[in-house]
Amino acid sequence: CTQPSLKEMTVKALEILSKDEDGFFLMIEAGQIDWAGHANDIASAMAEMDDLNSTLEWLEEYVSNNQETLVVVTADHNTGGMSMGLKGGGYRWEPKYLRNLTASPRTIANQQMKQGFEPVKISEQLGFELTAEEIKTLKVAHRKNKKQLFTELKSVINKRTNTGWTTSGHTGGDVPVFAFG
């Protein structure tokens, strides 16, 4: 059983709630963005942001057809303190390494622990060729445990994308508030 996307859950919720003649309030939370921030997992964070973006695009269309609707978008806090474009990477962020991922680092780690260490399969799922040094590091992590492999997979992706993290907790940074409708 796979979890429906945020957009699919939103569409279903609005299908049900819009039948109420008295109106309704619906809170939609893209909470896995927070989880990805806590895990310092840029791959999952961007996938979850893409899911949120698809939901917001659908909601824009919904609002245009339902003029009495207001959508407010915000967050309760920032998590992870992500920085883009590390000094050692020429201050460039490289999201191209995220575009071809076919699985999250957690999923890859889980699969590798079940089926044995397969660097070719990891490269296929990451969407880029691993270096000999990356393979060596991942192999050592695989021998330790799933958590260590997950950590090292995230590290490979963070280095390739030039993504940094200041914490695995919440930050004190401001969060924006957007509204339409």
Protein backbone atom coordinates (compact mmCIF):
# COMPACT_ATOMS: atom_id res chain seq x y z
CA CYS A 1 0.00 0.00 0.00
CA THR A 2 1.46 3.37 -0.96
CA GLN A 3 0.61 6.62 0.73
CA PRO A 4 -1.35 9.02 -1.45
CA SER A 5 0.36 12.27 -2.36
CA LEU A 6 -0.44 15.51 -0.55
CA LYS A 7 -2.30 16.66 -3.66
CA GLU A 8 -4.39 13.46 -3.78
CA MET A 9 -5.31 13.82 -0.11
CA THR A 10 -6.16 17.50 -0.63
CA VAL A 11 -8.36 16.78 -3.65
CA LYS A 12 -10.26 14.09 -1.71
CA ALA A 13 -10.67 16.27 1.39
CA LEU A 14 -12.05 19.16 -0.66
CA GLU A 15 -14.34 16.82 -2.59
CA ILE A 16 -15.89 15.75 0.72
CA LEU A 17 -15.84 19.09 2.56
CA SER A 18 -17.14 21.20 -0.33
CA LYS A 19 -20.52 19.46 0.05
CA ASP A 20 -21.03 21.34 3.36
CA GLU A 21 -23.28 24.32 2.61
CA ASP A 22 -22.09 26.11 5.78
CA GLY A 23 -18.48 26.19 4.59
CA PHE A 24 -15.45 24.59 6.16
CA PHE A 25 -11.91 25.04 7.40
CA LEU A 26 -9.24 22.62 6.22
CA MET A 27 -5.66 22.50 7.46
CA ILE A 28 -3.27 20.68 5.16
CA GLU A 29 0.18 19.91 6.50
CA ALA A 30 3.18 18.98 4.40
CA GLY A 31 4.78 17.61 7.56
CA GLN A 32 7.32 15.37 5.87
CA ILE A 33 9.26 18.47 4.83
CA ASP A 34 9.93 18.90 8.56
CA TRP A 35 11.01 15.27 8.88
CA ALA A 36 13.44 15.69 5.97
CA GLY A 37 14.88 18.81 7.65
CA HIS A 38 15.39 16.95 10.92
CA ALA A 39 17.14 14.17 8.98
CA ASN A 40 19.23 16.69 6.98
CA ASP A 41 17.97 14.87 3.89
CA ILE A 42 17.98 17.28 0.93
CA ALA A 43 16.68 14.63 -1.49
CA SER A 44 13.56 13.97 0.57
CA ALA A 45 13.10 17.66 1.40
CA MET A 46 13.02 18.59 -2.29
CA ALA A 47 10.69 15.70 -3.16
CA GLU A 48 8.31 16.81 -0.41
CA MET A 49 8.55 20.45 -1.55
CA ASP A 50 7.68 19.30 -5.07
CA ASP A 51 4.63 17.50 -3.65
CA LEU A 52 3.62 20.70 -1.85
CA ASN A 53 4.14 22.71 -5.04
CA SER A 54 1.86 20.36 -7.02
CA THR A 55 -0.76 20.75 -4.30
CA LEU A 56 -0.53 24.54 -4.37
CA GLU A 57 -0.79 24.62 -8.16
CA TRP A 58 -3.97 22.51 -7.94
CA LEU A 59 -5.31 24.77 -5.17
CA GLU A 60 -4.78 27.86 -7.36
CA GLU A 61 -7.10 26.30 -9.93
CA TYR A 62 -9.56 25.28 -7.21
CA VAL A 63 -9.64 28.84 -5.83
CA SER A 64 -10.24 30.31 -9.31
CA ASN A 65 -13.36 28.12 -9.53
CA ASN A 66 -14.42 28.66 -5.89
CA GLN A 67 -14.21 32.40 -5.32
CA GLU A 68 -15.14 32.22 -1.62
CA THR A 69 -11.98 30.24 -0.81
CA LEU A 70 -8.90 31.60 0.94
CA VAL A 71 -5.63 29.66 1.05
CA VAL A 72 -2.98 30.62 3.61
CA VAL A 73 0.44 28.98 3.40
CA THR A 74 3.02 29.10 6.19
CA ALA A 75 5.17 26.91 8.39
CA ASP A 76 5.35 26.59 12.16
CA HIS A 77 9.17 26.71 12.09
CA ASN A 78 12.25 26.09 10.00
CA THR A 79 14.09 22.81 10.52
CA GLY A 80 17.65 21.83 9.71
CA GLY A 81 19.11 25.21 8.87
CA MET A 82 19.76 24.26 5.26
CA SER A 83 22.38 26.23 3.39
CA MET A 84 22.75 26.16 -0.36
CA GLY A 85 26.11 26.51 -2.09
CA LEU A 86 28.87 25.63 0.33
CA LYS A 87 32.12 27.59 0.24
CA GLY A 88 34.14 24.55 -0.86
CA GLY A 89 31.72 24.07 -3.74
CA GLY A 90 32.26 27.52 -5.22
CA TYR A 91 29.13 28.87 -3.52
CA ARG A 92 27.01 27.05 -6.10
CA TRP A 93 24.08 24.85 -5.28
CA GLU A 94 23.81 21.87 -7.64
CA PRO A 95 20.18 20.63 -7.67
CA LYS A 96 20.83 18.71 -10.90
CA TYR A 97 21.88 15.78 -8.71
CA LEU A 98 18.38 15.66 -7.22
CA ARG A 99 16.46 15.57 -10.49
CA ASN A 100 17.24 11.97 -11.42
CA LEU A 101 16.74 10.32 -8.04
CA THR A 102 14.33 7.41 -8.22
CA ALA A 103 14.32 6.65 -4.48
CA SER A 104 15.01 8.47 -1.23
CA PRO A 105 18.25 7.81 0.66
CA ARG A 106 16.21 6.00 3.34
CA THR A 107 14.59 3.73 0.75
CA ILE A 108 17.94 3.01 -0.88
CA ALA A 109 19.50 2.17 2.51
CA ASN A 110 16.58 -0.12 3.40
CA GLN A 111 16.82 -1.95 0.07
CA GLN A 112 20.60 -2.30 0.25
CA MET A 113 20.45 -3.81 3.73
CA LYS A 114 17.93 -6.41 2.51
CA GLN A 115 19.55 -7.36 -0.78
CA GLY A 116 23.26 -6.83 -0.14
CA PHE A 117 25.59 -4.07 -1.22
CA GLU A 118 25.10 -3.25 -4.92
CA PRO A 119 26.87 0.00 -5.92
CA VAL A 120 25.55 -0.18 -9.50
CA LYS A 121 21.96 -0.30 -8.18
CA ILE A 122 22.71 2.62 -5.82
CA SER A 123 24.09 4.66 -8.74
CA GLU A 124 20.97 3.88 -10.79
CA GLN A 125 18.68 5.02 -7.97
CA LEU A 126 20.73 8.15 -7.29
CA GLY A 127 20.82 9.00 -10.97
CA PHE A 128 24.57 9.60 -11.07
CA GLU A 129 27.74 7.51 -11.14
CA LEU A 130 29.38 7.01 -7.76
CA THR A 131 33.10 7.66 -7.44
CA ALA A 132 35.42 4.94 -6.17
CA GLU A 133 35.79 6.86 -2.88
CA GLU A 134 31.99 7.14 -2.47
CA ILE A 135 31.58 3.42 -3.11
CA LYS A 136 34.26 2.64 -0.52
CA THR A 137 32.58 4.87 2.09
CA LEU A 138 29.13 3.40 1.40
CA LYS A 139 30.48 -0.16 1.56
CA VAL A 140 31.97 0.48 5.02
CA ALA A 141 28.67 2.02 6.15
CA HIS A 142 26.73 -0.96 4.76
CA ARG A 143 28.83 -3.32 6.88
CA LYS A 144 27.90 -1.31 10.00
CA ASN A 145 24.12 -0.85 9.81
CA LYS A 146 21.18 0.70 7.98
CA LYS A 147 21.36 3.99 9.91
CA GLN A 148 25.02 4.49 8.98
CA LEU A 149 24.32 3.70 5.32
CA PHE A 150 21.43 6.20 5.32
CA THR A 151 23.74 8.83 6.87
CA GLU A 152 26.45 8.23 4.27
CA LEU A 153 23.99 8.28 1.37
CA LYS A 154 22.73 11.67 2.55
CA SER A 155 26.34 12.82 2.86
CA VAL A 156 27.08 11.83 -0.76
CA ILE A 157 24.02 13.75 -1.97
CA ASN A 158 24.78 16.76 0.25
CA LYS A 159 28.34 16.93 -1.08
CA ARG A 160 27.27 16.57 -4.70
CA THR A 161 24.61 19.27 -4.35
CA ASN A 162 26.73 21.53 -2.10
CA THR A 163 24.04 21.47 0.59
CA GLY A 164 24.92 22.20 4.20
CA TRP A 165 22.99 21.89 7.45
CA THR A 166 23.44 23.78 10.70
CA THR A 167 21.31 21.56 12.93
CA SER A 168 18.99 18.59 13.00
CA GLY A 169 16.65 20.64 15.18
CA HIS A 170 14.50 23.70 14.70
CA THR A 171 16.02 27.06 13.80
CA GLY A 172 15.05 30.55 14.90
CA GLY A 173 14.68 31.76 11.32
CA ASP A 174 11.56 33.57 10.19
CA VAL A 175 9.02 31.66 8.14
CA PRO A 176 7.03 33.41 5.40
CA VAL A 177 3.25 33.66 5.19
CA PHE A 178 1.57 33.64 1.76
CA ALA A 179 -2.11 33.84 0.89
CA PHE A 180 -4.30 33.77 -2.20
CA GLY A 181 -8.02 33.69 -2.84
